[in-house]
Amino acid sequence: MEEALRRLITEGDGYVDIQLYVKPEASFTGLRMEAGELVFYTEEPPLEGRANASLIRFFSRLFKVQPAKVDIVYGHRSRTKRVRIYDVDLETAISRIIEALRESEKA
C-alpha cells in the first residue's frame, strides 16, 4: 500500500500533492484504495461545490491543518483531482493516509 501511495503523493517545497478520484453520494465519507488508485468517498452530492468542500474538510481534519491550507489544484469540476496540503511532508502524508484507509476498512 505504501508503494502505491508514493506514486500518488508528490512532495513540493512545504506541501504535498495527492492525486485521487472522488465518488460523491456514497454511503460514507472516507478513503479507500481501489486498483492502485486513492478514492475519496463522500456522502455529499456533486452540486454547488459540496463534494469539493467535503474533500477539503476531510483532509483538513486528517492532517490537522486549517481548511485554508488545503487546496484543490486540479480537477475542480472533475472527479479526478489533485489536492495540495500545505505544511505537511511526504512521510506524514503517507502515514496519515494509511491510518485513514484502515479506518475506512472498518466502516
N, C-alpha and C. Protein backbone atom coordinates (compact mmCIF):
# COMPACT_ATOMS: atom_id res chain seq x y z
N MET A 1 0.83 -1.20 0.00
CA MET A 1 0.00 0.00 0.00
C MET A 1 0.87 1.25 0.00
N GLU A 2 1.93 1.24 0.80
CA GLU A 2 2.79 2.42 0.88
C GLU A 2 3.43 2.73 -0.47
N GLU A 3 3.81 1.70 -1.20
CA GLU A 3 4.42 1.91 -2.52
C GLU A 3 3.43 2.58 -3.48
N ALA A 4 2.17 2.13 -3.45
CA ALA A 4 1.14 2.74 -4.30
C ALA A 4 0.93 4.20 -3.91
N LEU A 5 0.93 4.49 -2.61
CA LEU A 5 0.74 5.87 -2.16
C LEU A 5 1.88 6.77 -2.61
N ARG A 6 3.09 6.23 -2.62
CA ARG A 6 4.25 7.04 -3.05
C ARG A 6 4.13 7.45 -4.52
N ARG A 7 3.40 6.69 -5.31
CA ARG A 7 3.17 7.07 -6.71
C ARG A 7 2.09 8.15 -6.82
N LEU A 8 1.21 8.23 -5.82
CA LEU A 8 0.09 9.17 -5.87
C LEU A 8 0.34 10.47 -5.11
N ILE A 9 1.39 10.49 -4.30
CA ILE A 9 1.69 11.67 -3.49
C ILE A 9 3.05 12.21 -3.90
N THR A 10 3.09 13.49 -4.22
CA THR A 10 4.36 14.14 -4.55
C THR A 10 4.61 15.25 -3.54
N GLU A 11 5.88 15.46 -3.24
CA GLU A 11 6.25 16.47 -2.25
C GLU A 11 6.85 17.68 -2.94
N GLY A 12 6.41 18.85 -2.52
CA GLY A 12 6.98 20.09 -3.01
C GLY A 12 7.63 20.83 -1.85
N ASP A 13 7.93 22.08 -2.05
CA ASP A 13 8.56 22.89 -1.01
C ASP A 13 7.50 23.38 -0.03
N GLY A 14 7.29 22.61 1.04
CA GLY A 14 6.32 23.00 2.07
C GLY A 14 4.92 22.47 1.83
N TYR A 15 4.76 21.52 0.92
CA TYR A 15 3.43 20.96 0.65
C TYR A 15 3.56 19.56 0.05
N VAL A 16 2.42 18.86 0.04
CA VAL A 16 2.32 17.61 -0.72
C VAL A 16 1.11 17.72 -1.63
N ASP A 17 1.20 17.07 -2.79
CA ASP A 17 0.07 16.95 -3.72
C ASP A 17 -0.38 15.50 -3.71
N ILE A 18 -1.67 15.30 -3.60
CA ILE A 18 -2.25 13.96 -3.57
C ILE A 18 -3.20 13.82 -4.74
N GLN A 19 -2.95 12.81 -5.57
CA GLN A 19 -3.82 12.54 -6.71
C GLN A 19 -4.87 11.52 -6.27
N LEU A 20 -6.14 11.82 -6.55
CA LEU A 20 -7.20 10.91 -6.14
C LEU A 20 -8.42 11.03 -7.03
N TYR A 21 -9.34 10.13 -6.82
CA TYR A 21 -10.61 10.10 -7.55
C TYR A 21 -11.72 10.28 -6.52
N VAL A 22 -12.74 11.05 -6.85
CA VAL A 22 -13.83 11.34 -5.92
C VAL A 22 -15.11 10.63 -6.36
N LYS A 23 -15.76 9.95 -5.40
CA LYS A 23 -17.05 9.31 -5.66
C LYS A 23 -18.08 9.96 -4.74
N PRO A 24 -18.88 10.89 -5.28
CA PRO A 24 -19.90 11.57 -4.46
C PRO A 24 -21.11 10.68 -4.24
N GLU A 25 -21.97 11.13 -3.33
CA GLU A 25 -23.23 10.46 -3.00
C GLU A 25 -23.01 9.00 -2.56
N ALA A 26 -21.94 8.78 -1.80
CA ALA A 26 -21.64 7.45 -1.27
C ALA A 26 -22.37 7.26 0.06
N SER A 27 -22.28 6.06 0.59
CA SER A 27 -22.95 5.77 1.86
C SER A 27 -22.09 6.15 3.06
N PHE A 28 -20.84 6.60 2.83
CA PHE A 28 -19.95 7.01 3.92
C PHE A 28 -18.97 8.04 3.37
N THR A 29 -18.23 8.68 4.26
CA THR A 29 -17.18 9.60 3.85
C THR A 29 -15.86 9.03 4.33
N GLY A 30 -14.93 8.82 3.40
CA GLY A 30 -13.63 8.27 3.76
C GLY A 30 -12.82 7.90 2.53
N LEU A 31 -11.64 7.34 2.80
CA LEU A 31 -10.71 6.96 1.73
C LEU A 31 -10.66 5.46 1.57
N ARG A 32 -10.42 5.02 0.35
CA ARG A 32 -10.19 3.61 0.03
C ARG A 32 -9.15 3.54 -1.08
N MET A 33 -8.46 2.42 -1.14
CA MET A 33 -7.57 2.14 -2.27
C MET A 33 -8.30 1.15 -3.17
N GLU A 34 -8.40 1.47 -4.44
CA GLU A 34 -9.07 0.60 -5.41
C GLU A 34 -8.21 0.54 -6.66
N ALA A 35 -7.75 -0.67 -6.98
CA ALA A 35 -6.94 -0.89 -8.18
C ALA A 35 -5.73 0.06 -8.24
N GLY A 36 -5.09 0.28 -7.11
CA GLY A 36 -3.91 1.13 -7.06
C GLY A 36 -4.18 2.61 -7.08
N GLU A 37 -5.46 3.00 -7.01
CA GLU A 37 -5.83 4.41 -7.00
C GLU A 37 -6.44 4.78 -5.65
N LEU A 38 -6.18 5.99 -5.21
CA LEU A 38 -6.77 6.51 -3.99
C LEU A 38 -8.15 7.08 -4.34
N VAL A 39 -9.18 6.62 -3.62
CA VAL A 39 -10.55 7.04 -3.91
C VAL A 39 -11.14 7.66 -2.65
N PHE A 40 -11.66 8.89 -2.81
CA PHE A 40 -12.34 9.58 -1.70
C PHE A 40 -13.84 9.44 -1.91
N TYR A 41 -14.50 8.83 -0.94
CA TYR A 41 -15.95 8.70 -0.96
C TYR A 41 -16.54 9.79 -0.09
N THR A 42 -17.59 10.43 -0.57
CA THR A 42 -18.28 11.44 0.23
C THR A 42 -19.78 11.25 0.09
N GLU A 43 -20.47 11.53 1.16
CA GLU A 43 -21.93 11.45 1.15
C GLU A 43 -22.55 12.63 0.42
N GLU A 44 -21.76 13.67 0.20
CA GLU A 44 -22.26 14.89 -0.44
C GLU A 44 -22.46 14.68 -1.94
N PRO A 45 -23.44 15.38 -2.52
CA PRO A 45 -23.64 15.32 -3.97
C PRO A 45 -22.64 16.24 -4.68
N PRO A 46 -22.43 16.02 -5.98
CA PRO A 46 -21.50 16.87 -6.73
C PRO A 46 -22.17 18.17 -7.20
N LEU A 47 -22.88 18.82 -6.31
CA LEU A 47 -23.60 20.05 -6.65
C LEU A 47 -23.06 21.22 -5.85
N GLU A 48 -22.93 22.35 -6.51
CA GLU A 48 -22.57 23.61 -5.85
C GLU A 48 -21.31 23.49 -4.99
N GLY A 49 -20.38 22.65 -5.40
CA GLY A 49 -19.11 22.51 -4.68
C GLY A 49 -19.18 21.74 -3.39
N ARG A 50 -20.30 21.07 -3.13
CA ARG A 50 -20.44 20.37 -1.85
C ARG A 50 -19.48 19.19 -1.70
N ALA A 51 -19.25 18.44 -2.77
CA ALA A 51 -18.31 17.31 -2.70
C ALA A 51 -16.88 17.84 -2.51
N ASN A 52 -16.54 18.93 -3.19
CA ASN A 52 -15.22 19.53 -3.02
C ASN A 52 -15.04 20.04 -1.59
N ALA A 53 -16.06 20.67 -1.03
CA ALA A 53 -15.98 21.17 0.34
C ALA A 53 -15.80 20.01 1.32
N SER A 54 -16.47 18.90 1.07
CA SER A 54 -16.33 17.72 1.92
C SER A 54 -14.90 17.19 1.85
N LEU A 55 -14.32 17.18 0.67
CA LEU A 55 -12.94 16.74 0.47
C LEU A 55 -11.97 17.63 1.25
N ILE A 56 -12.15 18.93 1.17
CA ILE A 56 -11.29 19.87 1.89
C ILE A 56 -11.43 19.69 3.39
N ARG A 57 -12.67 19.56 3.88
CA ARG A 57 -12.89 19.32 5.32
C ARG A 57 -12.21 18.04 5.78
N PHE A 58 -12.36 16.98 4.99
CA PHE A 58 -11.79 15.68 5.36
C PHE A 58 -10.27 15.78 5.50
N PHE A 59 -9.59 16.34 4.49
CA PHE A 59 -8.14 16.43 4.55
C PHE A 59 -7.66 17.43 5.60
N SER A 60 -8.43 18.47 5.84
CA SER A 60 -8.09 19.42 6.90
C SER A 60 -8.07 18.71 8.26
N ARG A 61 -9.06 17.90 8.52
CA ARG A 61 -9.11 17.15 9.78
C ARG A 61 -8.02 16.08 9.84
N LEU A 62 -7.84 15.36 8.72
CA LEU A 62 -6.86 14.28 8.67
C LEU A 62 -5.45 14.78 8.97
N PHE A 63 -5.09 15.92 8.39
CA PHE A 63 -3.74 16.45 8.55
C PHE A 63 -3.63 17.51 9.64
N LYS A 64 -4.75 17.77 10.32
CA LYS A 64 -4.78 18.74 11.43
C LYS A 64 -4.22 20.10 11.00
N VAL A 65 -4.75 20.57 9.86
CA VAL A 65 -4.39 21.90 9.35
C VAL A 65 -5.69 22.68 9.11
N GLN A 66 -5.58 23.98 8.99
CA GLN A 66 -6.73 24.82 8.69
C GLN A 66 -7.23 24.50 7.27
N PRO A 67 -8.53 24.59 7.03
CA PRO A 67 -9.05 24.36 5.68
C PRO A 67 -8.37 25.23 4.61
N ALA A 68 -7.89 26.40 4.98
CA ALA A 68 -7.20 27.28 4.03
C ALA A 68 -5.87 26.67 3.56
N LYS A 69 -5.36 25.68 4.27
CA LYS A 69 -4.10 25.01 3.90
C LYS A 69 -4.34 23.81 2.98
N VAL A 70 -5.59 23.59 2.59
CA VAL A 70 -5.95 22.50 1.69
C VAL A 70 -6.54 23.13 0.43
N ASP A 71 -5.98 22.77 -0.71
CA ASP A 71 -6.37 23.40 -1.97
C ASP A 71 -6.56 22.34 -3.04
N ILE A 72 -7.59 22.46 -3.83
CA ILE A 72 -7.76 21.60 -5.00
C ILE A 72 -7.05 22.33 -6.14
N VAL A 73 -5.91 21.79 -6.56
CA VAL A 73 -5.11 22.48 -7.58
C VAL A 73 -5.41 21.97 -8.99
N TYR A 74 -6.13 20.87 -9.09
CA TYR A 74 -6.52 20.34 -10.39
C TYR A 74 -7.83 19.57 -10.23
N GLY A 75 -8.77 19.80 -11.14
CA GLY A 75 -9.97 18.99 -11.18
C GLY A 75 -11.16 19.50 -10.39
N HIS A 76 -11.30 20.82 -10.28
CA HIS A 76 -12.45 21.37 -9.55
C HIS A 76 -13.77 20.81 -10.06
N ARG A 77 -13.89 20.63 -11.36
CA ARG A 77 -15.15 20.15 -11.95
C ARG A 77 -15.06 18.71 -12.44
N SER A 78 -13.99 18.04 -12.05
CA SER A 78 -13.76 16.66 -12.48
C SER A 78 -13.75 15.74 -11.26
N ARG A 79 -13.92 14.47 -11.48
CA ARG A 79 -13.83 13.53 -10.35
C ARG A 79 -12.38 13.15 -10.07
N THR A 80 -11.52 13.34 -11.05
CA THR A 80 -10.08 13.14 -10.83
C THR A 80 -9.51 14.46 -10.35
N LYS A 81 -8.86 14.43 -9.20
CA LYS A 81 -8.39 15.68 -8.58
C LYS A 81 -6.96 15.55 -8.09
N ARG A 82 -6.33 16.72 -7.93
CA ARG A 82 -5.06 16.80 -7.24
C ARG A 82 -5.26 17.80 -6.11
N VAL A 83 -5.03 17.33 -4.91
CA VAL A 83 -5.23 18.15 -3.72
C VAL A 83 -3.87 18.51 -3.14
N ARG A 84 -3.68 19.77 -2.82
CA ARG A 84 -2.43 20.25 -2.22
C ARG A 84 -2.68 20.56 -0.75
N ILE A 85 -1.82 20.00 0.10
CA ILE A 85 -1.90 20.28 1.53
C ILE A 85 -0.58 20.93 1.94
N TYR A 86 -0.68 22.13 2.47
CA TYR A 86 0.50 22.89 2.89
C TYR A 86 0.90 22.51 4.31
N ASP A 87 2.18 22.70 4.61
CA ASP A 87 2.75 22.43 5.93
C ASP A 87 2.69 20.96 6.32
N VAL A 88 2.78 20.07 5.31
CA VAL A 88 2.80 18.63 5.54
C VAL A 88 3.92 18.04 4.69
N ASP A 89 4.68 17.08 5.26
CA ASP A 89 5.73 16.42 4.48
C ASP A 89 5.25 15.06 3.99
N LEU A 90 6.02 14.47 3.11
CA LEU A 90 5.64 13.22 2.45
C LEU A 90 5.40 12.09 3.44
N GLU A 91 6.30 11.90 4.40
CA GLU A 91 6.18 10.79 5.34
C GLU A 91 4.93 10.94 6.21
N THR A 92 4.65 12.14 6.65
CA THR A 92 3.43 12.40 7.44
C THR A 92 2.21 12.10 6.60
N ALA A 93 2.22 12.55 5.35
CA ALA A 93 1.08 12.32 4.47
C ALA A 93 0.82 10.83 4.30
N ILE A 94 1.86 10.07 4.05
CA ILE A 94 1.68 8.63 3.84
C ILE A 94 1.14 7.97 5.10
N SER A 95 1.71 8.28 6.26
CA SER A 95 1.25 7.62 7.50
C SER A 95 -0.19 8.00 7.84
N ARG A 96 -0.57 9.26 7.65
CA ARG A 96 -1.95 9.67 7.96
C ARG A 96 -2.94 9.05 6.98
N ILE A 97 -2.56 8.95 5.72
CA ILE A 97 -3.47 8.35 4.74
C ILE A 97 -3.63 6.85 5.01
N ILE A 98 -2.55 6.19 5.40
CA ILE A 98 -2.66 4.77 5.76
C ILE A 98 -3.61 4.60 6.94
N GLU A 99 -3.51 5.48 7.94
CA GLU A 99 -4.44 5.45 9.08
C GLU A 99 -5.88 5.62 8.61
N ALA A 100 -6.10 6.58 7.73
CA ALA A 100 -7.46 6.85 7.22
C ALA A 100 -7.99 5.66 6.42
N LEU A 101 -7.11 5.01 5.67
CA LEU A 101 -7.53 3.83 4.90
C LEU A 101 -7.94 2.70 5.84
N ARG A 102 -7.20 2.53 6.92
CA ARG A 102 -7.54 1.48 7.90
C ARG A 102 -8.88 1.79 8.57
N GLU A 103 -9.12 3.07 8.87
CA GLU A 103 -10.41 3.46 9.47
C GLU A 103 -11.55 3.19 8.51
N SER A 104 -11.36 3.48 7.24
CA SER A 104 -12.42 3.27 6.24
C SER A 104 -12.74 1.79 6.05
N GLU A 105 -11.73 0.93 6.24
CA GLU A 105 -11.98 -0.50 6.11
C GLU A 105 -12.94 -0.99 7.18
N LYS A 106 -12.90 -0.34 8.34
CA LYS A 106 -13.78 -0.71 9.45
C LYS A 106 -15.23 -0.28 9.19
N ALA A 107 -15.38 0.77 8.38
CA ALA A 107 -16.73 1.34 8.14
C ALA A 107 -17.57 0.44 7.26
